[in-house]
Amino acid sequence: MSRSIKPVLFACIALIAAVSIRAADEPKDVAVAFAKAITEGDKKATHEVAAGTEEQLKTLDLMTDMLHGILKFKAACDAKFGAENVLSKSMAGGVPDLVDEVKKSEAKEEGDTVTFIDKAKPDDKHPLKLKKVDGKWKVDLSSMGDEAKDMPAGMGKMFGDFADEINAGKYKTAEEAAVAFQKKMQPPAEAK
């Protein structure tokens, strides 16, 4: 490589790196990264872009496990029984596409906070909010409300485990799987 090309090449690499780093610090990019991490079940990645108390982080972990398990469950049902199967259709309101919702939302920046407004739900009482923490945008877990903190632990794992059973061919039909799933969802009977 000629000597005159090397400095230009290094300058281009540095520029690309600087743009990539700056873009990753944009509120929308942080919000999308957060949504992707939740749907992929990556708790470490959610913690890296979130700010909250220890209890809020535990609630975030429950939400991450739950949504990831549900998505895995739905994908297994759709793959094994077709998209119009009874289990997928019974999921009230469908499974949210968090990444798409964040991408479509409008970011309103006010100083060191950004609020993401979903145009389809402008009156949402718990919109996604980011705040600056040590110069970086982080998801403000205090903005997510308290509803999720009472989510039962283990539900995400139950959905994921059931998806594994479906993928392994344990159920021949969606109806058979639905009956088995209903039994798993029932609380254990109390001993008399």
Protein backbone atom coordinates (compact mmCIF):
# COMPACT_ATOMS: atom_id res chain seq x y z
CA MET A 1 0.00 0.00 0.00
CA SER A 2 1.45 3.39 -0.89
CA ARG A 3 2.37 5.84 1.83
CA SER A 4 -0.17 8.41 0.60
CA ILE A 5 -3.10 5.99 0.86
CA LYS A 6 -2.40 4.86 4.44
CA PRO A 7 -3.22 8.20 6.12
CA VAL A 8 -6.42 8.51 4.08
CA LEU A 9 -7.41 4.94 4.97
CA PHE A 10 -6.78 5.53 8.69
CA ALA A 11 -8.71 8.81 8.55
CA CYS A 12 -11.68 7.03 6.95
CA ILE A 13 -11.60 4.28 9.58
CA ALA A 14 -11.46 6.86 12.37
CA LEU A 15 -14.38 8.79 10.84
CA ILE A 16 -16.48 5.64 10.53
CA ALA A 17 -15.70 4.70 14.14
CA ALA A 18 -16.57 8.20 15.37
CA VAL A 19 -19.88 8.21 13.49
CA SER A 20 -20.71 4.71 14.79
CA ILE A 21 -19.98 5.69 18.38
CA ARG A 22 -21.96 8.92 18.10
CA ALA A 23 -24.92 7.12 16.48
CA ALA A 24 -24.95 4.52 19.26
CA ASP A 25 -25.34 7.35 21.77
CA GLU A 26 -28.46 8.74 20.10
CA PRO A 27 -31.62 8.24 22.19
CA LYS A 28 -33.48 6.34 19.45
CA ASP A 29 -30.53 3.96 19.00
CA VAL A 30 -30.36 3.32 22.74
CA ALA A 31 -34.12 2.68 22.88
CA VAL A 32 -33.92 0.28 19.92
CA ALA A 33 -30.96 -1.53 21.51
CA PHE A 34 -32.99 -1.87 24.72
CA ALA A 35 -36.01 -3.28 22.84
CA LYS A 36 -33.82 -5.74 20.92
CA ALA A 37 -32.13 -6.90 24.11
CA ILE A 38 -35.49 -7.56 25.77
CA THR A 39 -36.86 -9.55 22.82
CA GLU A 40 -33.63 -11.56 22.56
CA GLY A 41 -33.68 -12.29 26.30
CA ASP A 42 -30.30 -10.57 26.81
CA LYS A 43 -30.50 -9.31 30.40
CA LYS A 44 -26.87 -8.15 30.43
CA ALA A 45 -27.51 -5.92 27.42
CA THR A 46 -30.70 -4.48 28.96
CA HIS A 47 -28.76 -3.57 32.12
CA GLU A 48 -26.06 -1.84 30.06
CA VAL A 49 -28.55 0.64 28.61
CA ALA A 50 -30.85 1.00 31.63
CA ALA A 51 -30.77 3.04 34.83
CA GLY A 52 -32.78 2.08 37.88
CA THR A 53 -32.83 0.64 41.34
CA GLU A 54 -31.93 -2.96 42.12
CA GLU A 55 -35.64 -3.78 42.41
CA GLN A 56 -36.38 -2.13 39.04
CA LEU A 57 -33.57 -4.15 37.43
CA LYS A 58 -35.05 -7.35 38.88
CA THR A 59 -38.44 -6.40 37.42
CA LEU A 60 -36.75 -5.70 34.09
CA ASP A 61 -35.22 -9.19 34.23
CA LEU A 62 -38.68 -10.71 34.81
CA MET A 63 -40.11 -8.74 31.88
CA THR A 64 -37.19 -9.78 29.67
CA ASP A 65 -37.61 -13.45 30.58
CA MET A 66 -41.36 -13.25 30.05
CA LEU A 67 -41.34 -11.57 26.64
CA HIS A 68 -38.46 -13.69 25.36
CA GLY A 69 -40.26 -16.85 26.53
CA ILE A 70 -43.53 -15.78 24.91
CA LEU A 71 -41.79 -14.95 21.63
CA LYS A 72 -40.01 -18.32 21.67
CA PHE A 73 -43.33 -20.03 22.44
CA LYS A 74 -45.15 -18.25 19.60
CA ALA A 75 -42.35 -18.99 17.13
CA ALA A 76 -42.46 -22.69 18.08
CA CYS A 77 -46.27 -22.79 17.73
CA ASP A 78 -46.16 -21.04 14.35
CA ALA A 79 -43.37 -23.27 13.04
CA LYS A 80 -44.97 -26.52 14.19
CA PHE A 81 -48.69 -25.80 13.70
CA GLY A 82 -48.85 -22.85 11.27
CA ALA A 83 -49.41 -19.15 11.95
CA GLU A 84 -53.17 -19.58 12.41
CA ASN A 85 -52.87 -22.15 15.20
CA VAL A 86 -55.15 -21.99 18.23
CA LEU A 87 -52.32 -21.17 20.65
CA SER A 88 -50.95 -18.21 18.71
CA LYS A 89 -54.44 -16.89 17.99
CA SER A 90 -55.38 -17.09 21.68
CA MET A 91 -52.66 -14.63 22.72
CA ALA A 92 -54.82 -11.66 23.62
CA GLY A 93 -53.77 -8.57 21.73
CA GLY A 94 -50.92 -10.41 20.04
CA VAL A 95 -47.26 -10.27 20.91
CA PRO A 96 -45.81 -6.77 20.68
CA ASP A 97 -42.93 -6.05 18.33
CA LEU A 98 -41.04 -3.78 20.72
CA VAL A 99 -38.33 -2.87 18.23
CA ASP A 100 -40.88 -1.82 15.62
CA GLU A 101 -42.88 0.13 18.22
CA VAL A 102 -39.77 2.06 19.29
CA LYS A 103 -38.74 2.75 15.70
CA LYS A 104 -42.19 4.12 14.88
CA SER A 105 -42.46 6.24 18.02
CA GLU A 106 -41.71 9.93 18.18
CA ALA A 107 -38.87 11.04 20.45
CA LYS A 108 -39.50 14.24 22.41
CA GLU A 109 -36.29 15.56 23.90
CA GLU A 110 -36.42 17.96 26.83
CA GLY A 111 -32.99 18.67 28.27
CA ASP A 112 -31.58 15.48 29.76
CA THR A 113 -34.72 13.41 29.17
CA VAL A 114 -36.33 11.90 26.09
CA THR A 115 -39.87 10.52 26.00
CA PHE A 116 -40.93 8.13 23.24
CA ILE A 117 -44.54 8.67 22.22
CA ASP A 118 -46.30 5.84 20.40
CA LYS A 119 -48.61 7.55 17.90
CA ALA A 120 -51.09 4.68 18.26
CA LYS A 121 -51.14 5.17 22.07
CA PRO A 122 -50.58 8.88 22.69
CA ASP A 123 -52.17 8.68 26.16
CA ASP A 124 -49.94 5.82 27.38
CA LYS A 125 -49.35 6.52 31.06
CA HIS A 126 -45.94 4.78 31.01
CA PRO A 127 -44.15 5.75 27.80
CA LEU A 128 -40.53 4.71 27.38
CA LYS A 129 -38.24 7.40 28.78
CA LEU A 130 -34.52 7.89 28.63
CA LYS A 131 -32.34 10.10 30.79
CA LYS A 132 -28.72 11.16 30.68
CA VAL A 133 -26.56 9.31 33.18
CA ASP A 134 -22.90 10.24 33.26
CA GLY A 135 -23.25 11.75 29.79
CA LYS A 136 -24.91 8.66 28.23
CA TRP A 137 -28.53 8.00 27.39
CA LYS A 138 -30.08 5.25 29.53
CA VAL A 139 -33.60 3.86 29.74
CA ASP A 140 -35.19 5.32 32.87
CA LEU A 141 -36.69 2.26 34.56
CA SER A 142 -38.64 4.44 36.99
CA SER A 143 -40.81 5.50 34.04
CA MET A 144 -42.05 1.98 33.41
CA GLY A 145 -44.58 1.85 36.23
CA ASP A 146 -45.11 -0.72 38.95
CA GLU A 147 -47.52 -3.10 37.20
CA ALA A 148 -44.79 -5.52 36.10
CA LYS A 149 -43.20 -5.92 39.54
CA ASP A 150 -45.91 -8.41 40.57
CA MET A 151 -45.24 -10.63 37.57
CA PRO A 152 -44.76 -14.20 38.74
CA ALA A 153 -41.17 -15.40 38.51
CA GLY A 154 -40.65 -18.39 36.27
CA MET A 155 -43.36 -17.61 33.73
CA GLY A 156 -40.85 -16.79 31.01
CA LYS A 157 -39.03 -20.06 31.65
CA MET A 158 -42.32 -21.95 31.55
CA PHE A 159 -43.12 -20.47 28.11
CA GLY A 160 -39.60 -21.25 26.89
CA ASP A 161 -39.66 -24.81 28.21
CA PHE A 162 -43.03 -25.42 26.58
CA ALA A 163 -41.64 -24.06 23.30
CA ASP A 164 -38.84 -26.62 23.60
CA GLU A 165 -41.43 -29.39 24.04
CA ILE A 166 -43.29 -28.21 20.92
CA ASN A 167 -40.05 -28.02 18.93
CA ALA A 168 -39.16 -31.54 20.09
CA GLY A 169 -42.45 -32.84 18.64
CA LYS A 170 -44.07 -33.76 21.95
CA TYR A 171 -47.49 -32.61 20.68
CA LYS A 172 -49.02 -33.77 17.39
CA THR A 173 -51.58 -30.97 17.11
CA ALA A 174 -52.01 -27.44 18.34
CA GLU A 175 -55.15 -28.55 20.18
CA GLU A 176 -53.21 -31.23 22.05
CA ALA A 177 -50.56 -28.67 22.94
CA ALA A 178 -53.25 -26.21 24.06
CA VAL A 179 -54.70 -28.72 26.51
CA ALA A 180 -51.25 -29.47 27.93
CA PHE A 181 -50.46 -25.77 28.12
CA GLN A 182 -53.71 -25.05 29.97
CA LYS A 183 -52.79 -27.68 32.56
CA LYS A 184 -49.36 -26.09 33.04
CA MET A 185 -50.95 -22.69 33.54
CA GLN A 186 -53.22 -23.88 36.35
CA PRO A 187 -51.91 -23.28 39.84
CA PRO A 188 -50.97 -26.43 41.72
CA ALA A 189 -53.77 -27.93 43.81
CA GLU A 190 -53.37 -27.38 47.53
CA ALA A 191 -52.67 -30.45 49.62
CA LYS A 192 -55.50 -31.31 51.99
